[in-house]
N, C-alpha and C. Protein backbone atom coordinates (compact mmCIF):
# COMPACT_ATOMS: atom_id res chain seq x y z
N MET A 1 -4.42 -34.83 42.53
CA MET A 1 -4.81 -33.69 41.96
C MET A 1 -4.17 -33.42 40.67
N THR A 2 -5.31 -33.34 40.20
CA THR A 2 -5.18 -33.37 38.51
C THR A 2 -5.40 -31.59 37.81
N LEU A 3 -4.55 -31.27 36.84
CA LEU A 3 -4.93 -29.95 36.38
C LEU A 3 -5.78 -29.78 34.97
N ALA A 4 -6.87 -29.20 35.13
CA ALA A 4 -7.90 -29.35 34.05
C ALA A 4 -7.19 -28.24 32.67
N HIS A 5 -7.37 -28.77 31.52
CA HIS A 5 -6.70 -27.85 30.59
C HIS A 5 -7.86 -27.16 30.11
N SER A 6 -7.56 -25.80 30.11
CA SER A 6 -8.58 -24.95 29.46
C SER A 6 -7.95 -24.37 28.03
N ASP A 7 -9.00 -24.01 27.58
CA ASP A 7 -8.51 -23.20 26.30
C ASP A 7 -8.14 -21.73 26.80
N PRO A 8 -6.83 -21.60 26.14
CA PRO A 8 -6.56 -20.06 26.21
C PRO A 8 -7.91 -18.86 25.95
N PRO A 9 -7.75 -17.85 26.78
CA PRO A 9 -9.04 -16.96 26.30
C PRO A 9 -8.85 -16.17 25.06
N PRO A 10 -10.10 -15.91 24.53
CA PRO A 10 -9.90 -15.49 23.05
C PRO A 10 -8.85 -14.32 23.05
N ARG A 11 -8.15 -14.04 21.75
CA ARG A 11 -7.68 -12.95 21.60
C ARG A 11 -8.15 -11.66 21.21
N ASP A 12 -7.90 -10.34 22.08
CA ASP A 12 -8.31 -9.23 22.07
C ASP A 12 -7.63 -8.32 20.76
N PRO A 13 -8.50 -8.51 19.58
CA PRO A 13 -7.55 -7.69 18.78
C PRO A 13 -7.59 -6.28 18.96
N GLY A 14 -8.38 -5.55 19.75
CA GLY A 14 -8.18 -4.09 19.99
C GLY A 14 -8.48 -3.34 18.81
N LEU A 15 -7.72 -2.24 18.42
CA LEU A 15 -7.70 -1.59 17.43
C LEU A 15 -6.91 -1.68 15.98
N GLN A 16 -6.22 -3.19 16.22
CA GLN A 16 -5.49 -3.35 15.14
C GLN A 16 -5.99 -3.32 13.64
N ALA A 17 -7.58 -3.77 13.48
CA ALA A 17 -7.94 -3.80 12.17
C ALA A 17 -8.01 -2.16 11.52
N GLU A 18 -8.29 -1.43 12.60
CA GLU A 18 -8.43 -0.13 12.32
C GLU A 18 -7.33 0.27 11.89
N ARG A 19 -5.85 0.12 12.85
CA ARG A 19 -4.61 0.77 12.40
C ARG A 19 -4.24 0.46 11.15
N THR A 20 -4.68 -0.92 10.95
CA THR A 20 -4.15 -1.58 9.60
C THR A 20 -4.66 -0.72 8.34
N ALA A 21 -6.25 -0.72 8.53
CA ALA A 21 -7.16 -0.06 7.31
C ALA A 21 -6.23 1.47 7.33
N LEU A 22 -5.87 1.96 8.25
CA LEU A 22 -5.70 3.00 8.40
C LEU A 22 -3.90 3.49 7.83
N SER A 23 -3.28 2.56 7.76
CA SER A 23 -1.81 2.54 7.25
C SER A 23 -2.10 2.15 5.78
N TRP A 24 -2.78 1.11 5.39
CA TRP A 24 -3.34 0.66 4.13
C TRP A 24 -3.40 2.09 3.15
N SER A 25 -4.67 2.90 4.21
CA SER A 25 -5.40 4.36 3.07
C SER A 25 -4.26 5.05 3.07
N ARG A 26 -3.29 5.45 4.04
CA ARG A 26 -2.08 6.34 4.15
C ARG A 26 -1.31 6.02 2.93
N THR A 27 -0.85 4.65 2.96
CA THR A 27 0.21 4.30 1.83
C THR A 27 -0.67 4.50 0.31
N GLY A 28 -2.14 4.36 0.05
CA GLY A 28 -2.57 4.37 -0.75
C GLY A 28 -2.58 5.80 -1.18
N LEU A 29 -2.91 6.70 -0.13
CA LEU A 29 -2.50 8.15 -0.24
C LEU A 29 -1.32 8.86 -0.50
N ALA A 30 -0.03 8.46 -0.11
CA ALA A 30 0.96 8.41 -0.82
C ALA A 30 1.48 8.13 -2.11
N ILE A 31 1.06 7.05 -2.08
CA ILE A 31 1.18 6.49 -3.75
C ILE A 31 0.41 7.44 -4.66
N ALA A 32 -0.88 7.81 -4.53
CA ALA A 32 -1.66 8.66 -5.15
C ALA A 32 -0.76 10.22 -5.15
N VAL A 33 -0.55 10.93 -4.29
CA VAL A 33 0.24 12.19 -4.31
C VAL A 33 1.99 11.68 -5.24
N ASN A 34 2.23 10.71 -5.30
CA ASN A 34 3.37 10.57 -5.85
C ASN A 34 3.05 10.33 -7.42
N ALA A 35 1.86 9.74 -7.59
CA ALA A 35 0.79 9.59 -9.23
C ALA A 35 0.77 10.93 -9.33
N VAL A 36 0.21 11.84 -8.57
CA VAL A 36 -0.08 13.32 -9.31
C VAL A 36 1.06 13.63 -9.50
N LEU A 37 2.38 14.10 -9.01
CA LEU A 37 3.65 14.44 -9.10
C LEU A 37 4.08 13.96 -10.26
N ALA A 38 4.37 12.42 -10.59
CA ALA A 38 4.57 11.65 -11.72
C ALA A 38 3.93 12.43 -13.16
N LEU A 39 2.46 12.36 -12.94
CA LEU A 39 1.79 12.81 -14.05
C LEU A 39 2.04 14.07 -14.17
N ARG A 40 2.06 14.94 -13.55
CA ARG A 40 1.91 16.10 -13.65
C ARG A 40 3.13 16.62 -14.68
N TYR A 41 4.40 16.25 -14.16
CA TYR A 41 5.72 16.25 -14.59
C TYR A 41 5.85 15.54 -15.93
N GLY A 42 5.55 14.42 -16.19
CA GLY A 42 5.21 13.93 -17.11
C GLY A 42 4.39 14.46 -18.61
N LEU A 43 3.72 15.08 -17.65
CA LEU A 43 2.71 15.75 -19.12
C LEU A 43 3.51 17.31 -19.66
N ILE A 44 3.80 17.71 -18.34
CA ILE A 44 4.37 19.44 -18.76
C ILE A 44 5.69 19.09 -19.68
N SER A 45 6.78 18.12 -19.55
CA SER A 45 7.74 17.86 -19.86
C SER A 45 7.99 17.07 -21.22
N ASN A 46 6.69 16.70 -21.37
CA ASN A 46 6.35 15.78 -22.82
C ASN A 46 6.92 14.77 -22.36
N GLN A 47 6.77 13.87 -21.31
CA GLN A 47 7.58 12.34 -21.51
C GLN A 47 6.86 11.49 -21.23
N PRO A 48 6.33 10.95 -22.28
CA PRO A 48 4.89 9.88 -22.11
C PRO A 48 5.29 8.71 -21.13
N ALA A 49 6.41 8.17 -20.49
CA ALA A 49 6.82 7.04 -20.23
C ALA A 49 6.64 7.52 -18.48
N LEU A 50 6.84 8.92 -18.20
CA LEU A 50 6.75 9.18 -16.75
C LEU A 50 5.40 9.64 -16.71
N ALA A 51 4.45 9.95 -17.43
CA ALA A 51 3.13 10.30 -17.41
C ALA A 51 2.40 8.45 -17.41
N SER A 52 2.84 7.68 -18.01
CA SER A 52 2.61 6.38 -17.92
C SER A 52 2.58 5.61 -16.29
N ALA A 53 4.04 6.25 -15.81
CA ALA A 53 4.15 5.84 -14.62
C ALA A 53 3.13 6.50 -13.45
N GLY A 54 2.85 7.45 -13.74
CA GLY A 54 1.96 8.44 -12.86
C GLY A 54 0.28 7.78 -12.55
N ILE A 55 0.29 7.00 -14.30
CA ILE A 55 -1.14 6.64 -14.42
C ILE A 55 -1.26 5.13 -13.66
N ALA A 56 -0.25 4.71 -14.01
CA ALA A 56 -0.03 2.98 -13.10
C ALA A 56 0.12 3.62 -11.84
N LEU A 57 0.68 4.81 -11.57
CA LEU A 57 0.78 4.40 -9.93
C LEU A 57 -0.59 4.89 -9.26
N PHE A 58 -1.47 5.90 -10.19
CA PHE A 58 -2.70 6.04 -9.54
C PHE A 58 -3.93 4.49 -9.26
N VAL A 59 -3.53 3.91 -10.48
CA VAL A 59 -4.00 2.25 -10.39
C VAL A 59 -3.87 1.67 -9.10
N LEU A 60 -2.61 1.62 -8.51
CA LEU A 60 -1.89 0.63 -7.46
C LEU A 60 -2.31 1.48 -6.22
N ALA A 61 -2.54 2.69 -6.26
CA ALA A 61 -3.22 3.40 -5.34
C ALA A 61 -4.57 3.17 -4.93
N GLY A 62 -5.25 2.82 -5.79
CA GLY A 62 -6.91 2.30 -5.54
C GLY A 62 -6.43 0.99 -5.28
N VAL A 63 -5.86 0.06 -5.95
CA VAL A 63 -5.43 -1.47 -5.36
C VAL A 63 -4.81 -1.41 -3.68
N ALA A 64 -4.23 -0.52 -3.45
CA ALA A 64 -3.85 -0.60 -1.85
C ALA A 64 -4.80 0.03 -1.00
N ILE A 65 -5.60 0.98 -1.41
CA ILE A 65 -6.51 1.30 -0.39
C ILE A 65 -7.69 0.05 -0.53
N ALA A 66 -8.04 -0.65 -1.50
CA ALA A 66 -8.81 -1.73 -1.24
C ALA A 66 -8.71 -2.60 -0.61
N HIS A 67 -7.04 -2.99 -0.91
CA HIS A 67 -6.40 -4.05 -0.13
C HIS A 67 -6.94 -3.94 1.52
N GLY A 68 -6.77 -2.30 1.77
CA GLY A 68 -6.83 -2.42 3.13
C GLY A 68 -8.13 -2.34 3.67
N ALA A 69 -9.19 -2.44 2.71
CA ALA A 69 -10.79 -2.61 3.28
C ALA A 69 -10.53 -4.07 3.39
N ILE A 70 -10.28 -4.75 2.37
CA ILE A 70 -10.37 -6.48 2.71
C ILE A 70 -9.59 -6.57 3.67
N ARG A 71 -8.34 -6.27 3.91
CA ARG A 71 -7.45 -6.79 5.30
C ARG A 71 -8.17 -6.41 6.44
N ARG A 72 -9.05 -5.33 6.72
CA ARG A 72 -9.67 -5.10 8.02
C ARG A 72 -10.58 -5.98 8.32
N ARG A 73 -11.58 -6.25 6.94
CA ARG A 73 -12.42 -7.11 6.88
C ARG A 73 -11.75 -8.85 7.82
N GLN A 74 -10.89 -8.95 6.84
CA GLN A 74 -10.22 -10.22 7.55
C GLN A 74 -9.73 -10.20 8.89
N LEU A 75 -9.34 -8.98 9.46
CA LEU A 75 -9.09 -9.13 10.79
C LEU A 75 -10.07 -8.86 11.93
N ASP A 76 -11.16 -8.56 11.33
CA ASP A 76 -12.30 -8.26 12.36
C ASP A 76 -12.75 -9.80 12.13
N ALA A 77 -13.11 -11.01 11.23
CA ALA A 77 -13.31 -11.65 10.98
C ALA A 77 -13.05 -12.94 11.96
N ARG A 78 -11.55 -12.79 12.01
CA ARG A 78 -10.78 -14.00 12.45
C ARG A 78 -10.08 -13.65 13.65
N HIS A 79 -9.90 -14.39 14.82
CA HIS A 79 -9.24 -14.30 16.03
C HIS A 79 -7.95 -14.94 15.94
N GLY A 80 -6.76 -14.44 16.23
CA GLY A 80 -5.60 -15.12 16.17
C GLY A 80 -4.95 -14.44 14.94
N LEU A 81 -3.84 -15.07 15.01
CA LEU A 81 -2.55 -14.71 13.62
C LEU A 81 -3.37 -14.53 12.27
N VAL A 82 -3.47 -13.44 11.88
CA VAL A 82 -3.80 -13.68 10.35
C VAL A 82 -2.86 -12.84 9.82
N PRO A 83 -1.53 -13.73 8.82
CA PRO A 83 -0.67 -13.01 8.22
C PRO A 83 -0.91 -12.66 6.96
N PRO A 84 -0.40 -11.12 6.39
CA PRO A 84 -0.69 -10.71 5.26
C PRO A 84 -0.49 -11.66 4.20
N SER A 85 -0.97 -11.31 2.91
CA SER A 85 -0.91 -12.23 1.69
C SER A 85 0.46 -11.78 1.26
N SER A 86 1.07 -12.75 0.85
CA SER A 86 2.90 -12.70 0.41
C SER A 86 2.78 -11.63 -1.03
N TRP A 87 1.16 -12.13 -2.07
CA TRP A 87 1.15 -11.36 -2.97
C TRP A 87 0.89 -9.63 -3.05
N ALA A 88 0.39 -9.42 -1.81
CA ALA A 88 0.24 -7.60 -0.96
C ALA A 88 1.55 -7.21 -0.91
N MET A 89 2.29 -7.98 -0.27
CA MET A 89 3.39 -7.08 -0.08
C MET A 89 4.40 -7.36 -1.06
N LEU A 90 4.15 -8.29 -2.12
CA LEU A 90 4.99 -8.14 -3.56
C LEU A 90 4.48 -6.92 -4.15
N GLY A 91 3.10 -6.61 -4.28
CA GLY A 91 2.85 -5.53 -4.72
C GLY A 91 3.24 -3.99 -4.43
N VAL A 92 3.20 -4.32 -2.95
CA VAL A 92 3.56 -2.87 -2.30
C VAL A 92 4.88 -2.54 -2.77
N THR A 93 5.81 -3.49 -2.41
CA THR A 93 7.26 -3.56 -3.16
C THR A 93 7.06 -3.17 -4.26
N ALA A 94 6.85 -3.61 -5.21
CA ALA A 94 6.76 -3.03 -6.81
C ALA A 94 6.44 -1.65 -6.81
N THR A 95 5.41 -1.64 -6.00
CA THR A 95 4.73 0.13 -6.00
C THR A 95 5.72 0.84 -5.59
N VAL A 96 6.38 0.71 -4.26
CA VAL A 96 7.14 1.36 -3.96
C VAL A 96 8.86 2.06 -4.77
N LEU A 97 8.84 0.85 -5.14
CA LEU A 97 10.12 0.92 -6.16
C LEU A 97 9.44 1.86 -7.74
N LEU A 98 8.39 1.15 -7.99
CA LEU A 98 7.90 2.19 -9.06
C LEU A 98 7.91 3.70 -8.90
N ALA A 99 6.99 3.93 -7.64
CA ALA A 99 7.02 5.33 -7.23
C ALA A 99 8.67 6.05 -7.14
N ALA A 100 9.55 5.15 -6.73
CA ALA A 100 11.02 5.85 -6.31
C ALA A 100 11.79 5.65 -7.63
N LEU A 101 11.31 5.12 -8.95
CA LEU A 101 12.19 5.16 -10.18
C LEU A 101 11.44 6.66 -10.68
N ALA A 102 9.98 6.69 -10.77
CA ALA A 102 9.75 8.05 -11.16
C ALA A 102 10.39 8.98 -10.62
N GLY A 103 10.38 9.14 -9.21
CA GLY A 103 11.11 10.16 -8.92
C GLY A 103 12.42 10.36 -9.26
N VAL A 104 13.17 9.45 -9.50
CA VAL A 104 14.42 9.67 -9.95
C VAL A 104 14.81 9.90 -11.63
N VAL A 105 13.36 9.24 -12.24
CA VAL A 105 13.79 9.71 -13.70
C VAL A 105 13.05 11.17 -13.60
N SER A 106 12.21 11.70 -12.79
CA SER A 106 11.75 13.16 -12.79
C SER A 106 13.15 14.06 -12.59
N ILE A 107 13.89 13.75 -11.53
CA ILE A 107 15.10 14.30 -11.17
C ILE A 107 16.09 14.72 -12.22
N SER A 108 16.43 13.42 -12.74
CA SER A 108 17.46 13.22 -14.05
C SER A 108 17.06 14.18 -15.27
N ILE A 109 15.69 14.05 -15.54
CA ILE A 109 14.94 14.96 -16.56
C ILE A 109 15.16 16.13 -16.28
N GLU A 110 14.68 16.67 -14.76
CA GLU A 110 15.24 18.41 -14.42
C GLU A 110 16.67 18.35 -14.70
N ALA A 111 17.37 17.66 -14.01
CA ALA A 111 18.74 18.11 -14.47
C ALA A 111 19.68 18.27 -15.64
N THR A 112 18.86 17.72 -16.34
CA THR A 112 19.40 17.95 -17.91
C THR A 112 19.05 19.00 -18.73
N ARG A 113 18.14 19.72 -18.28
CA ARG A 113 17.70 20.89 -18.80
C ARG A 113 18.68 21.91 -18.62
């Protein structure tokens, strides 16, 4: 008696692609909200560095949303494990740090008034 080797059944990705796209969209929206706050406070308090951080955050919010759309297409097109790009993860980390820094700077500016 021999056992026949069969290929495993194809992986059902379910709603993974949709959840991934939604999470990138939420991340982009959160970055955009921080950008609005940093830009507004930078313009009101005449702090060009903080306003520049707000503009940079707007650009990075667009990049996050665009990456979510690309990632969704990648997950829809392939079956199996599709790891995220290390560059994307590095970019998200840098963006979160920039948003946190802008928040700390705006709080410290307000505290010195």
